[in-house]
Amino acid sequence: LDFVRALVFQALLLGQDPFLGVVVDLPPGPADPADGAPGGLPAGQDECPAGTGTDTQTQTGTPDQAEAAAQDRTAAANPKVTAAAVNAKTLAKIAADLDAEAQVAADRAVAASLTATLREALTDATSGVEKAHERVWLIAEAAHRIRDTLTALKIPGCTTHTTRDGQIMHGHDGYRPPATMRRAIQARDERCMFPGCRRPSLQCDLDHSVAYHVGGKTCACNMAALCRHHHRCKGTGRWTLIHLWPGVLLWITPTAHWYLTGPDP
């Protein structure tokens, strides 16, 4: 207290405010029980009780979510981890695309070779037949026999689906082909499969050679690219279409002529 009096007296002599800038640390006095603990809290109560307050962290979410978050933090800390995962997915997709392209190329090669062989065989079968109705019957009979003979060979490459009772059925389960089937057929045919038409397959419909509503399968062995005009032409019923092999089509005209269309060699 004497020290404080000396500071005040010195300030008055110098013409200064005696209380400006004076900070005095007073010793703590006895606490009044009525006033409670410092900060205005009741006596005996902490400022942040256990389990509450802003300094307490609470974990939320499932263990899987926590693990995923930890993996994300690891990937963010190490960009090489993320890059490796992206590269692996990219390489897997490229490999799948190459396999699909190789399969389409193989299917086209088989269909082109088969088209040439069948054209020669059907030409020989109808040579010397003058009457139109006899020629139509003969070519149709030969075509159906050829198709039935080739059925066992093409089955391994056909699409199948499993019914609810566990039976494996031929074809996709539905009228519209899935995207992968559509792309494969368009790549196989490359153009409208009507004789003489060159419209690109990407601009064509995918037609069921045997109509879906009468039992035709949604499968590459029963579907071909047809432009809208020839799709409707085929639907009139005046032309006869026999799908001998995936991508190999026999057309019989109303005038008893026939045409065999397939992939370009």
Protein backbone atom coordinates (compact mmCIF):
# COMPACT_ATOMS: atom_id res chain seq x y z
CA LEU A 1 0.00 0.00 0.00
CA ASP A 2 2.89 2.37 0.72
CA PHE A 3 4.23 1.58 -2.76
CA VAL A 4 0.93 2.62 -4.33
CA ARG A 5 0.87 5.87 -2.37
CA ALA A 6 4.40 6.65 -3.65
CA LEU A 7 3.34 6.10 -7.28
CA VAL A 8 0.31 8.39 -6.88
CA PHE A 9 2.38 11.12 -5.21
CA GLN A 10 5.00 10.92 -8.00
CA ALA A 11 2.29 11.27 -10.69
CA LEU A 12 0.81 14.31 -8.98
CA LEU A 13 4.21 16.01 -8.84
CA LEU A 14 4.70 15.43 -12.59
CA GLY A 15 1.20 16.70 -13.45
CA GLN A 16 -0.04 13.24 -14.71
CA ASP A 17 -3.20 11.26 -14.09
CA PRO A 18 -2.26 9.22 -11.06
CA PHE A 19 -4.50 6.26 -12.09
CA LEU A 20 -3.57 6.06 -15.81
CA GLY A 21 -1.78 2.85 -16.69
CA VAL A 22 -1.52 1.59 -13.15
CA VAL A 23 -2.11 -2.15 -12.84
CA VAL A 24 -1.96 -3.57 -9.38
CA ASP A 25 -1.94 -7.31 -8.69
CA LEU A 26 -3.78 -7.80 -5.45
CA PRO A 27 -3.49 -11.06 -3.57
CA PRO A 28 -6.60 -13.24 -3.61
CA GLY A 29 -8.85 -12.87 -0.68
CA PRO A 30 -11.10 -15.37 0.93
CA ALA A 31 -13.96 -16.58 -1.28
CA ASP A 32 -17.47 -15.75 -0.25
CA PRO A 33 -19.60 -18.95 -0.28
CA ALA A 34 -22.57 -16.95 -1.47
CA ASP A 35 -20.75 -15.82 -4.58
CA GLY A 36 -19.97 -19.39 -5.74
CA ALA A 37 -16.97 -20.43 -7.86
CA PRO A 38 -15.12 -17.99 -10.18
CA GLY A 39 -17.04 -17.10 -13.30
CA GLY A 40 -20.40 -17.10 -11.63
CA LEU A 41 -20.86 -20.91 -11.59
CA PRO A 42 -22.24 -22.62 -8.52
CA ALA A 43 -19.64 -23.93 -6.13
CA GLY A 44 -18.38 -27.43 -6.93
CA GLN A 45 -19.36 -27.30 -10.66
CA ASP A 46 -16.68 -27.29 -13.38
CA GLU A 47 -16.78 -24.94 -16.36
CA CYS A 48 -16.86 -27.89 -18.85
CA PRO A 49 -18.25 -31.01 -17.17
CA ALA A 50 -17.04 -34.38 -18.48
CA GLY A 51 -18.85 -35.47 -21.62
CA THR A 52 -20.04 -31.96 -22.58
CA GLY A 53 -18.57 -28.68 -23.77
CA THR A 54 -16.80 -27.53 -26.91
CA ASP A 55 -13.55 -29.40 -26.24
CA THR A 56 -15.18 -32.84 -26.27
CA GLN A 57 -15.13 -34.76 -29.63
CA THR A 58 -17.90 -37.22 -30.49
CA GLN A 59 -17.36 -39.95 -33.13
CA THR A 60 -20.27 -40.57 -35.50
CA GLY A 61 -20.92 -42.91 -38.44
CA THR A 62 -20.45 -46.64 -39.04
CA PRO A 63 -17.07 -48.43 -38.93
CA ASP A 64 -17.19 -48.75 -42.75
CA GLN A 65 -17.67 -45.02 -43.11
CA ALA A 66 -14.82 -44.35 -40.69
CA GLU A 67 -12.57 -46.72 -42.67
CA ALA A 68 -13.56 -45.07 -45.96
CA ALA A 69 -12.80 -41.66 -44.50
CA ALA A 70 -9.40 -42.91 -43.35
CA GLN A 71 -8.69 -44.25 -46.85
CA ASP A 72 -9.68 -40.92 -48.35
CA ARG A 73 -7.29 -39.13 -46.01
CA THR A 74 -4.54 -41.60 -46.95
CA ALA A 75 -5.19 -41.08 -50.67
CA ALA A 76 -5.21 -37.32 -50.22
CA ALA A 77 -1.92 -37.49 -48.35
CA ASN A 78 -0.41 -39.79 -50.98
CA PRO A 79 -1.52 -38.87 -54.56
CA LYS A 80 0.29 -41.93 -55.92
CA VAL A 81 -2.36 -44.17 -54.31
CA THR A 82 -5.19 -42.42 -56.17
CA ALA A 83 -3.22 -42.36 -59.44
CA ALA A 84 -2.51 -46.09 -59.20
CA ALA A 85 -6.22 -46.86 -58.67
CA VAL A 86 -7.24 -44.70 -61.64
CA ASN A 87 -4.58 -46.29 -63.85
CA ALA A 88 -5.73 -49.79 -62.87
CA LYS A 89 -9.36 -49.01 -63.78
CA THR A 90 -8.30 -47.41 -67.06
CA LEU A 91 -6.15 -50.39 -68.02
CA ALA A 92 -8.97 -52.80 -67.15
CA LYS A 93 -11.41 -50.85 -69.35
CA ILE A 94 -8.93 -50.75 -72.25
CA ALA A 95 -8.38 -54.50 -71.94
CA ALA A 96 -12.14 -55.14 -71.95
CA ASP A 97 -12.61 -52.90 -75.01
CA LEU A 98 -9.80 -54.70 -76.85
CA ASP A 99 -11.35 -58.07 -76.01
CA ALA A 100 -14.73 -56.87 -77.29
CA GLU A 101 -13.18 -55.53 -80.51
CA ALA A 102 -11.29 -58.78 -81.03
CA GLN A 103 -14.50 -60.77 -80.52
CA VAL A 104 -16.40 -58.60 -83.01
CA ALA A 105 -13.58 -58.96 -85.56
CA ALA A 106 -13.62 -62.74 -85.10
CA ASP A 107 -17.42 -62.88 -85.48
CA ARG A 108 -17.24 -60.78 -88.65
CA ALA A 109 -14.54 -63.02 -90.13
CA VAL A 110 -16.61 -66.15 -89.47
CA ALA A 111 -19.78 -64.57 -90.87
CA ALA A 112 -17.99 -63.31 -94.00
CA SER A 113 -16.47 -66.72 -94.70
CA LEU A 114 -19.80 -68.44 -94.07
CA THR A 115 -21.60 -65.99 -96.39
CA ALA A 116 -19.30 -66.85 -99.28
CA THR A 117 -19.66 -70.61 -98.67
CA LEU A 118 -23.47 -70.50 -98.36
CA ARG A 119 -23.85 -68.31 -101.42
CA GLU A 120 -22.01 -70.90 -103.49
CA ALA A 121 -24.02 -73.77 -101.98
CA LEU A 122 -27.39 -72.07 -102.56
CA THR A 123 -26.43 -71.14 -106.11
CA ASP A 124 -25.68 -74.78 -106.85
CA ALA A 125 -28.93 -75.91 -105.18
CA THR A 126 -31.12 -73.66 -107.36
CA SER A 127 -29.25 -73.99 -110.63
CA GLY A 128 -31.43 -75.34 -113.45
CA VAL A 129 -34.72 -74.60 -111.63
CA GLU A 130 -36.80 -72.46 -113.98
CA LYS A 131 -40.17 -72.22 -112.26
CA ALA A 132 -40.35 -69.44 -109.70
CA HIS A 133 -42.50 -71.26 -107.14
CA GLU A 134 -40.20 -74.29 -107.26
CA ARG A 135 -37.16 -72.06 -106.81
CA VAL A 136 -38.73 -70.33 -103.78
CA TRP A 137 -39.63 -73.62 -102.14
CA LEU A 138 -36.18 -75.08 -102.85
CA ILE A 139 -34.20 -72.10 -101.55
CA ALA A 140 -36.34 -71.78 -98.42
CA GLU A 141 -36.08 -75.50 -97.66
CA ALA A 142 -32.30 -75.46 -98.12
CA ALA A 143 -31.97 -72.33 -95.97
CA HIS A 144 -33.97 -73.80 -93.08
CA ARG A 145 -31.92 -76.99 -93.18
CA ILE A 146 -28.72 -74.97 -93.11
CA ARG A 147 -29.95 -72.84 -90.22
CA ASP A 148 -30.97 -75.87 -88.17
CA THR A 149 -27.60 -77.50 -88.83
CA LEU A 150 -25.73 -74.39 -87.67
CA THR A 151 -27.82 -73.90 -84.52
CA ALA A 152 -25.64 -76.11 -82.32
CA LEU A 153 -22.53 -74.20 -83.44
CA LYS A 154 -23.87 -70.72 -82.69
CA ILE A 155 -25.46 -71.47 -79.29
CA PRO A 156 -22.22 -70.98 -77.26
CA GLY A 157 -22.06 -67.36 -78.45
CA CYS A 158 -25.68 -66.54 -77.78
CA THR A 159 -27.04 -64.42 -74.95
CA THR A 160 -28.91 -66.14 -72.11
CA HIS A 161 -30.79 -65.10 -69.00
CA THR A 162 -31.95 -66.91 -65.86
CA THR A 163 -35.62 -66.95 -64.93
CA ARG A 164 -36.97 -66.60 -61.39
CA ASP A 165 -37.29 -70.35 -61.07
CA GLY A 166 -33.64 -70.86 -62.08
CA GLN A 167 -34.09 -71.89 -65.71
CA ILE A 168 -31.54 -70.66 -68.25
CA MET A 169 -33.30 -69.25 -71.30
CA HIS A 170 -32.06 -68.15 -74.69
CA GLY A 171 -31.87 -64.42 -75.35
CA HIS A 172 -32.00 -61.25 -73.30
CA ASP A 173 -34.93 -60.89 -70.93
CA GLY A 174 -36.72 -58.08 -72.74
CA TYR A 175 -37.58 -56.61 -76.11
CA ARG A 176 -34.89 -53.93 -76.27
CA PRO A 177 -31.30 -55.17 -76.48
CA PRO A 178 -28.90 -53.96 -73.79
CA ALA A 179 -26.28 -51.38 -74.75
CA THR A 180 -23.46 -53.92 -75.05
CA MET A 181 -25.47 -56.10 -77.43
CA ARG A 182 -26.55 -53.09 -79.48
CA ARG A 183 -22.95 -51.91 -79.92
CA ALA A 184 -21.77 -55.41 -80.85
CA ILE A 185 -24.47 -55.83 -83.54
CA GLN A 186 -23.81 -52.38 -84.97
CA ALA A 187 -20.09 -53.11 -85.15
CA ARG A 188 -20.73 -56.52 -86.73
CA ASP A 189 -23.13 -55.33 -89.44
CA GLU A 190 -21.64 -51.87 -90.11
CA ARG A 191 -24.54 -51.07 -92.47
CA CYS A 192 -28.17 -51.85 -93.19
CA MET A 193 -28.36 -55.57 -93.96
CA PHE A 194 -30.93 -55.20 -96.73
CA PRO A 195 -29.47 -56.11 -100.14
CA GLY A 196 -27.73 -53.13 -101.72
CA CYS A 197 -28.33 -50.66 -98.86
CA ARG A 198 -25.27 -48.87 -97.51
CA ARG A 199 -26.79 -46.81 -94.69
CA PRO A 200 -24.47 -47.03 -91.63
CA SER A 201 -25.66 -49.31 -88.87
CA LEU A 202 -25.47 -46.47 -86.36
CA GLN A 203 -28.34 -44.84 -88.26
CA CYS A 204 -30.42 -48.03 -88.40
CA ASP A 205 -32.98 -49.83 -86.29
CA LEU A 206 -32.14 -53.17 -84.71
CA ASP A 207 -34.74 -55.57 -86.05
CA HIS A 208 -35.81 -58.95 -84.70
CA SER A 209 -35.58 -61.27 -87.72
CA VAL A 210 -38.23 -63.47 -86.10
CA ALA A 211 -40.62 -61.02 -84.44
CA TYR A 212 -40.37 -60.78 -80.67
CA HIS A 213 -44.11 -61.18 -80.13
CA VAL A 214 -44.09 -64.58 -81.86
CA GLY A 215 -41.14 -65.94 -79.91
CA GLY A 216 -38.15 -64.31 -81.57
CA LYS A 217 -35.21 -63.89 -79.21
CA THR A 218 -33.45 -60.66 -78.32
CA CYS A 219 -30.05 -62.02 -79.27
CA ALA A 220 -27.36 -61.31 -81.85
CA CYS A 221 -28.40 -64.46 -83.70
CA ASN A 222 -31.90 -63.00 -84.28
CA MET A 223 -31.18 -59.28 -84.65
CA ALA A 224 -29.74 -57.21 -87.48
CA ALA A 225 -29.37 -53.58 -88.46
CA LEU A 226 -32.05 -52.36 -90.87
CA CYS A 227 -32.65 -48.77 -91.89
CA ARG A 228 -36.13 -47.47 -91.17
CA HIS A 229 -37.28 -47.83 -94.81
CA HIS A 230 -36.17 -51.45 -95.19
CA HIS A 231 -37.35 -52.25 -91.68
CA ARG A 232 -40.85 -51.29 -92.77
CA CYS A 233 -40.39 -53.09 -96.09
CA LYS A 234 -39.56 -56.29 -94.26
CA GLY A 235 -42.62 -55.78 -92.05
CA THR A 236 -45.02 -55.90 -95.02
CA GLY A 237 -44.50 -59.65 -95.27
CA ARG A 238 -43.79 -59.66 -99.00
CA TRP A 239 -40.11 -60.38 -98.40
CA THR A 240 -38.99 -63.57 -96.64
CA LEU A 241 -36.07 -63.24 -94.25
CA ILE A 242 -34.13 -66.18 -92.81
CA HIS A 243 -31.34 -65.43 -90.33
CA LEU A 244 -28.89 -68.26 -91.02
CA TRP A 245 -26.09 -67.18 -88.72
CA PRO A 246 -25.41 -64.07 -86.61
CA GLY A 247 -24.93 -61.41 -89.29
CA VAL A 248 -25.73 -63.70 -92.27
CA LEU A 249 -29.22 -63.06 -93.72
CA LEU A 250 -31.03 -64.71 -96.61
CA TRP A 251 -33.62 -62.54 -98.37
CA ILE A 252 -36.18 -64.02 -100.76
CA THR A 253 -37.99 -61.49 -102.95
CA PRO A 254 -41.65 -61.57 -103.99
CA THR A 255 -40.39 -62.50 -107.49
CA ALA A 256 -38.60 -65.63 -106.20
CA HIS A 257 -35.09 -64.19 -106.35
CA TRP A 258 -32.80 -64.50 -103.37
CA TYR A 259 -29.96 -62.48 -101.89
CA LEU A 260 -27.48 -63.40 -99.18
CA THR A 261 -26.12 -60.50 -97.12
CA GLY A 262 -23.32 -60.59 -94.59
CA PRO A 263 -20.25 -58.70 -93.44
CA ASP A 264 -17.98 -57.38 -96.14
CA PRO A 265 -14.91 -59.61 -96.47
